[in-house]
Protein backbone atom coordinates (compact mmCIF):
# COMPACT_ATOMS: atom_id res chain seq x y z
CA UNK A 1 117.15 63.61 -162.59
CA UNK A 2 115.43 62.00 -159.57
CA UNK A 3 117.46 61.59 -156.52
CA UNK A 4 119.04 58.53 -155.16
CA UNK A 5 117.64 59.12 -151.89
CA UNK A 6 120.53 60.81 -149.92
CA UNK A 7 122.70 63.89 -150.56
CA UNK A 8 124.75 66.56 -148.36
CA UNK A 9 124.65 69.55 -146.80
CA UNK A 10 127.65 71.80 -145.81
CA UNK A 11 126.85 74.80 -143.00
CA UNK A 12 129.14 77.56 -141.77
CA UNK A 13 128.66 76.85 -138.55
CA UNK A 14 129.62 73.45 -136.71
CA UNK A 15 126.32 74.84 -134.41
CA UNK A 16 124.19 74.80 -137.36
CA UNK A 17 124.73 71.47 -138.29
CA UNK A 18 124.18 70.07 -135.08
CA UNK A 19 120.92 71.79 -134.68
CA UNK A 20 119.57 70.44 -137.93
CA UNK A 21 120.55 66.85 -137.05
CA UNK A 22 118.33 67.30 -133.19
CA UNK A 23 115.51 68.88 -135.09
CA UNK A 24 115.80 66.70 -138.54
CA UNK A 25 117.06 63.44 -138.09
CA UNK A 26 113.69 60.86 -138.02
CA UNK A 27 111.73 63.75 -139.71
CA UNK A 28 108.70 61.79 -142.12
CA UNK A 29 108.89 63.33 -145.68
CA UNK A 30 106.10 62.12 -147.69
CA UNK A 31 106.79 58.32 -147.06
CA UNK A 32 110.02 58.27 -146.36
CA UNK A 33 111.70 59.01 -142.78
CA UNK A 34 115.36 61.03 -143.18
CA UNK A 35 118.57 60.41 -141.64
CA UNK A 36 120.74 63.12 -140.43
CA UNK A 37 123.95 62.63 -139.63
CA UNK A 38 127.85 63.99 -139.88
CA UNK A 39 129.45 63.11 -143.00
CA UNK A 40 132.80 61.77 -143.09
CA UNK A 41 135.28 65.24 -143.50
CA UNK A 42 136.83 65.70 -146.73
CA UNK A 43 138.65 68.31 -144.92
CA UNK A 44 139.51 69.72 -141.98
CA UNK A 45 137.71 73.14 -142.42
CA UNK A 46 134.19 71.45 -142.56
CA UNK A 47 134.84 68.80 -140.30
CA UNK A 48 131.57 69.04 -137.55
CA UNK A 49 129.60 70.91 -140.41
CA UNK A 50 129.19 68.71 -143.37
CA UNK A 51 126.14 66.48 -143.24
CA UNK A 52 124.46 63.56 -145.09
CA UNK A 53 121.20 62.98 -145.21
CA UNK A 54 119.41 59.63 -146.58
CA UNK A 55 115.85 58.83 -146.98
CA UNK A 56 114.82 61.66 -149.07
CA UNK A 57 112.04 61.66 -150.81
CA UNK A 58 113.02 60.64 -154.89
CA UNK A 59 111.16 63.50 -156.02
CA UNK A 60 113.01 65.78 -153.77
CA UNK A 61 114.46 69.12 -155.55
CA UNK A 62 117.81 70.73 -154.85
CA UNK A 63 115.49 73.90 -153.74
CA UNK A 64 113.72 71.80 -151.75
CA UNK A 65 116.52 69.95 -149.75
CA UNK A 66 117.76 74.05 -149.11
CA UNK A 67 114.98 75.58 -148.01
CA UNK A 68 114.43 72.54 -145.51
CA UNK A 69 117.89 72.79 -144.15
CA UNK A 70 118.53 76.53 -144.41
CA UNK A 71 116.07 76.91 -141.45
CA UNK A 72 118.89 76.09 -139.40
CA UNK A 73 122.24 77.97 -140.51
CA UNK A 74 124.09 79.60 -143.63
CA UNK A 75 124.83 76.69 -146.50
CA UNK A 76 128.00 76.66 -147.90
CA UNK A 77 126.62 73.74 -150.58
CA UNK A 78 124.46 71.10 -150.93
CA UNK A 79 123.52 68.46 -153.06
CA UNK A 80 121.45 65.83 -153.92
CA UNK A 81 122.90 62.82 -155.33
CA UNK A 82 121.13 61.27 -159.05
CA UNK A 83 121.72 58.29 -160.49
CA UNK A 84 124.27 58.58 -163.67
CA UNK A 85 122.83 56.89 -165.84
CA UNK A 86 119.29 58.71 -166.24
CA UNK A 87 120.40 61.90 -164.80
């Protein structure tokens, strides 16, 4: 159940995604510095509101990710990618 160190956050409003990037990109979490940027859109409906987050601490939980990013707007979905072999 450990993070691979990256995940995605999808906001309802693209302005919220922009606020999150401007505030959280480069933030130091534990021993990691996270990178927050726009993800390649999977559909036109979430273009400019889908963020890619890398450099997450391996101990970060889904709940912690949502708590960190929910300060900037309503989240549609978020997920931390985990190793498929180890869970």
